[in-house]
C-alpha atoms as a PDB file:
ATOM      1  CA  MET A   1     -25.070  20.041  -3.010  1.00  0.00           C
ATOM      2  CA  THR A   2     -22.468  17.730  -3.478  1.00  0.00           C
ATOM      3  CA  LEU A   3     -21.345  14.880  -1.706  1.00  0.00           C
ATOM      4  CA  TYR A   4     -18.721  12.317  -2.881  1.00  0.00           C
ATOM      5  CA  ILE A   5     -18.268   8.850  -1.277  1.00  0.00           C
ATOM      6  CA  ASP A   6     -15.596   6.635  -2.077  1.00  0.00           C
ATOM      7  CA  PRO A   7     -15.888   2.660  -2.104  1.00  0.00           C
ATOM      8  CA  PRO A   8     -15.862   0.732   0.687  1.00  0.00           C
ATOM      9  CA  SER A   9     -12.171  -0.163   1.125  1.00  0.00           C
ATOM     10  CA  TRP A  10     -10.782   1.051   3.802  1.00  0.00           C
ATOM     11  CA  PRO A  11     -10.287  -1.894   7.220  1.00  0.00           C
ATOM     12  CA  GLY A  12     -11.300  -1.642  10.025  1.00  0.00           C
ATOM     13  CA  HIS A  13     -12.847  -2.334  13.687  1.00  0.00           C
ATOM     14  CA  GLY A  14     -13.153  -5.581  11.510  1.00  0.00           C
ATOM     15  CA  ARG A  15     -15.357  -4.065   9.102  1.00  0.00           C
ATOM     16  CA  MET A  16     -14.926  -1.613   5.286  1.00  0.00           C
ATOM     17  CA  TRP A  17     -15.178   1.668   5.237  1.00  0.00           C
ATOM     18  CA  SER A  18     -15.793   4.235   2.961  1.00  0.00           C
ATOM     19  CA  HIS A  19     -15.195   8.583   2.970  1.00  0.00           C
ATOM     20  CA  LEU A  20     -17.855  11.243   2.706  1.00  0.00           C
ATOM     21  CA  VAL A  21     -16.876  14.773   1.631  1.00  0.00           C
ATOM     22  CA  SER A  22     -17.857  17.550   0.284  1.00  0.00           C
ATOM     23  CA  ASP A  23     -15.963  20.052  -1.277  1.00  0.00           C
ATOM     24  CA  VAL A  24     -17.606  23.252  -0.855  1.00  0.00           C
ATOM     25  CA  SER A  25     -17.526  23.328   3.131  1.00  0.00           C
ATOM     26  CA  PHE A  26     -17.992  20.942   6.674  1.00  0.00           C
ATOM     27  CA  GLN A  27     -21.255  22.355   7.261  1.00  0.00           C
ATOM     28  CA  GLU A  28     -22.573  20.833   3.921  1.00  0.00           C
ATOM     29  CA  LEU A  29     -20.783  18.344   4.961  1.00  0.00           C
ATOM     30  CA  HIS A  30     -22.498  17.736   8.541  1.00  0.00           C
ATOM     31  CA  VAL A  31     -26.022  18.727   7.426  1.00  0.00           C
ATOM     32  CA  PHE A  32     -26.167  15.960   4.808  1.00  0.00           C
ATOM     33  CA  ALA A  33     -24.394  13.313   7.476  1.00  0.00           C
ATOM     34  CA  ALA A  34     -26.964  14.374   9.853  1.00  0.00           C
ATOM     35  CA  GLU A  35     -29.635  13.472   7.683  1.00  0.00           C
ATOM     36  CA  LEU A  36     -28.475  10.580   6.563  1.00  0.00           C
ATOM     37  CA  GLY A  37     -28.144   9.476  10.964  1.00  0.00           C
ATOM     38  CA  VAL A  38     -24.463   9.127  10.912  1.00  0.00           C
ATOM     39  CA  PRO A  39     -23.510  10.242  14.549  1.00  0.00           C
ATOM     40  CA  ARG A  40     -21.300  13.408  14.626  1.00  0.00           C
ATOM     41  CA  ARG A  41     -18.498  10.862  16.568  1.00  0.00           C
ATOM     42  CA  ALA A  42     -17.628   9.245  13.048  1.00  0.00           C
ATOM     43  CA  PHE A  43     -16.304  12.862  11.426  1.00  0.00           C
ATOM     44  CA  GLU A  44     -12.449  13.114  11.950  1.00  0.00           C
ATOM     45  CA  ARG A  45     -10.711  15.920  10.001  1.00  0.00           C
ATOM     46  CA  ASP A  46     -12.025  16.308   6.805  1.00  0.00           C
ATOM     47  CA  HIS A  47     -14.576  13.126   6.160  1.00  0.00           C
ATOM     48  CA  TYR A  48     -16.923  10.924   7.749  1.00  0.00           C
ATOM     49  CA  ASP A  49     -16.214   7.453   8.457  1.00  0.00           C
ATOM     50  CA  ILE A  50     -19.014   5.602   6.504  1.00  0.00           C
ATOM     51  CA  PRO A  51     -19.383   1.149   7.301  1.00  0.00           C
ATOM     52  CA  SER A  52     -20.128  -1.040   3.616  1.00  0.00           C
ATOM     53  CA  HIS A  53     -23.529  -1.652   5.260  1.00  0.00           C
ATOM     54  CA  ARG A  54     -24.446   1.950   4.721  1.00  0.00           C
ATOM     55  CA  TYR A  55     -22.296   2.618   1.429  1.00  0.00           C
ATOM     56  CA  ALA A  56     -25.565   2.139  -0.297  1.00  0.00           C
ATOM     57  CA  ASP A  57     -27.504   4.287   1.880  1.00  0.00           C
ATOM     58  CA  ALA A  58     -25.032   7.177   1.149  1.00  0.00           C
ATOM     59  CA  VAL A  59     -25.683   6.501  -2.596  1.00  0.00           C
ATOM     60  CA  ALA A  60     -29.391   6.633  -2.548  1.00  0.00           C
ATOM     61  CA  ALA A  61     -29.512   9.838  -0.745  1.00  0.00           C
ATOM     62  CA  GLY A  62     -27.252  11.472  -3.197  1.00  0.00           C
ATOM     63  CA  ALA A  63     -23.855  11.152  -2.463  1.00  0.00           C
ATOM     64  CA  VAL A  64     -21.865  10.791  -5.660  1.00  0.00           C
ATOM     65  CA  GLU A  65     -19.589   7.677  -6.283  1.00  0.00           C
ATOM     66  CA  ILE A  66     -15.907   8.262  -7.198  1.00  0.00           C
ATOM     67  CA  GLY A  67     -12.128   6.663  -6.634  1.00  0.00           C
ATOM     68  CA  SER A  68     -10.186   7.242  -3.177  1.00  0.00           C
ATOM     69  CA  LYS A  69      -7.927   9.663  -4.906  1.00  0.00           C
ATOM     70  CA  GLU A  70     -10.091  11.949  -6.798  1.00  0.00           C
ATOM     71  CA  LEU A  71     -11.674  11.754  -3.364  1.00  0.00           C
ATOM     72  CA  VAL A  72      -8.778  13.244  -1.811  1.00  0.00           C
ATOM     73  CA  ARG A  73      -7.953  15.425  -4.733  1.00  0.00           C
ATOM     74  CA  ARG A  74     -10.944  17.240  -4.947  1.00  0.00           C
ATOM     75  CA  ILE A  75     -11.270  18.263  -1.106  1.00  0.00           C
ATOM     76  CA  THR A  76      -7.434  19.288  -1.831  1.00  0.00           C
ATOM     77  CA  ALA A  77      -8.715  21.062  -4.412  1.00  0.00           C
ATOM     78  CA  ALA A  78     -11.631  22.622  -2.222  1.00  0.00           C
ATOM     79  CA  GLY A  79      -9.052  23.694   0.879  1.00  0.00           C
ATOM     80  CA  LEU A  80     -11.026  21.482   2.971  1.00  0.00           C
ATOM     81  CA  ARG A  81      -8.218  18.708   3.390  1.00  0.00           C
ATOM     82  CA  ARG A  82      -7.394  18.341   7.158  1.00  0.00           C
ATOM     83  CA  PRO A  83      -3.980  15.786   7.228  1.00  0.00           C
ATOM     84  CA  LYS A  84      -2.889  13.820  10.371  1.00  0.00           C
ATOM     85  CA  GLY A  85      -0.753  15.965  12.395  1.00  0.00           C
ATOM     86  CA  ARG A  86      -1.738  19.485  11.460  1.00  0.00           C
ATOM     87  CA  PRO A  87      -4.486  21.544  13.269  1.00  0.00           C
ATOM     88  CA  ALA A  88      -8.058  22.123  11.844  1.00  0.00           C
ATOM     89  CA  PRO A  89      -8.792  25.565  11.047  1.00  0.00           C
ATOM     90  CA  SER A  90     -12.061  26.272  12.965  1.00  0.00           C
ATOM     91  CA  VAL A  91     -13.488  28.646  10.788  1.00  0.00           C
ATOM     92  CA  ARG A  92     -14.534  26.342   8.417  1.00  0.00           C
ATOM     93  CA  ASP A  93     -16.692  23.518  10.743  1.00  0.00           C
END
């Protein structure tokens, strides 16, 4: 199981955020997030939003640190990218 996280460089709601993704399946991503204690409401289309204060927790749990562009490249290559405005396929949830 390999999960990836980008640096907390995305502003929102008064804090900085990272994106946590899988390049294998959404099921793998949901399991990892649940084990980390991340609520399902933090899932947005193809990633979990992780606040900067939880970044180190995700890395300690096994998430691999990569850049944002590489993160998008990996989930796109895996067929798991869900850009805004496109319906989410139900078969991968």
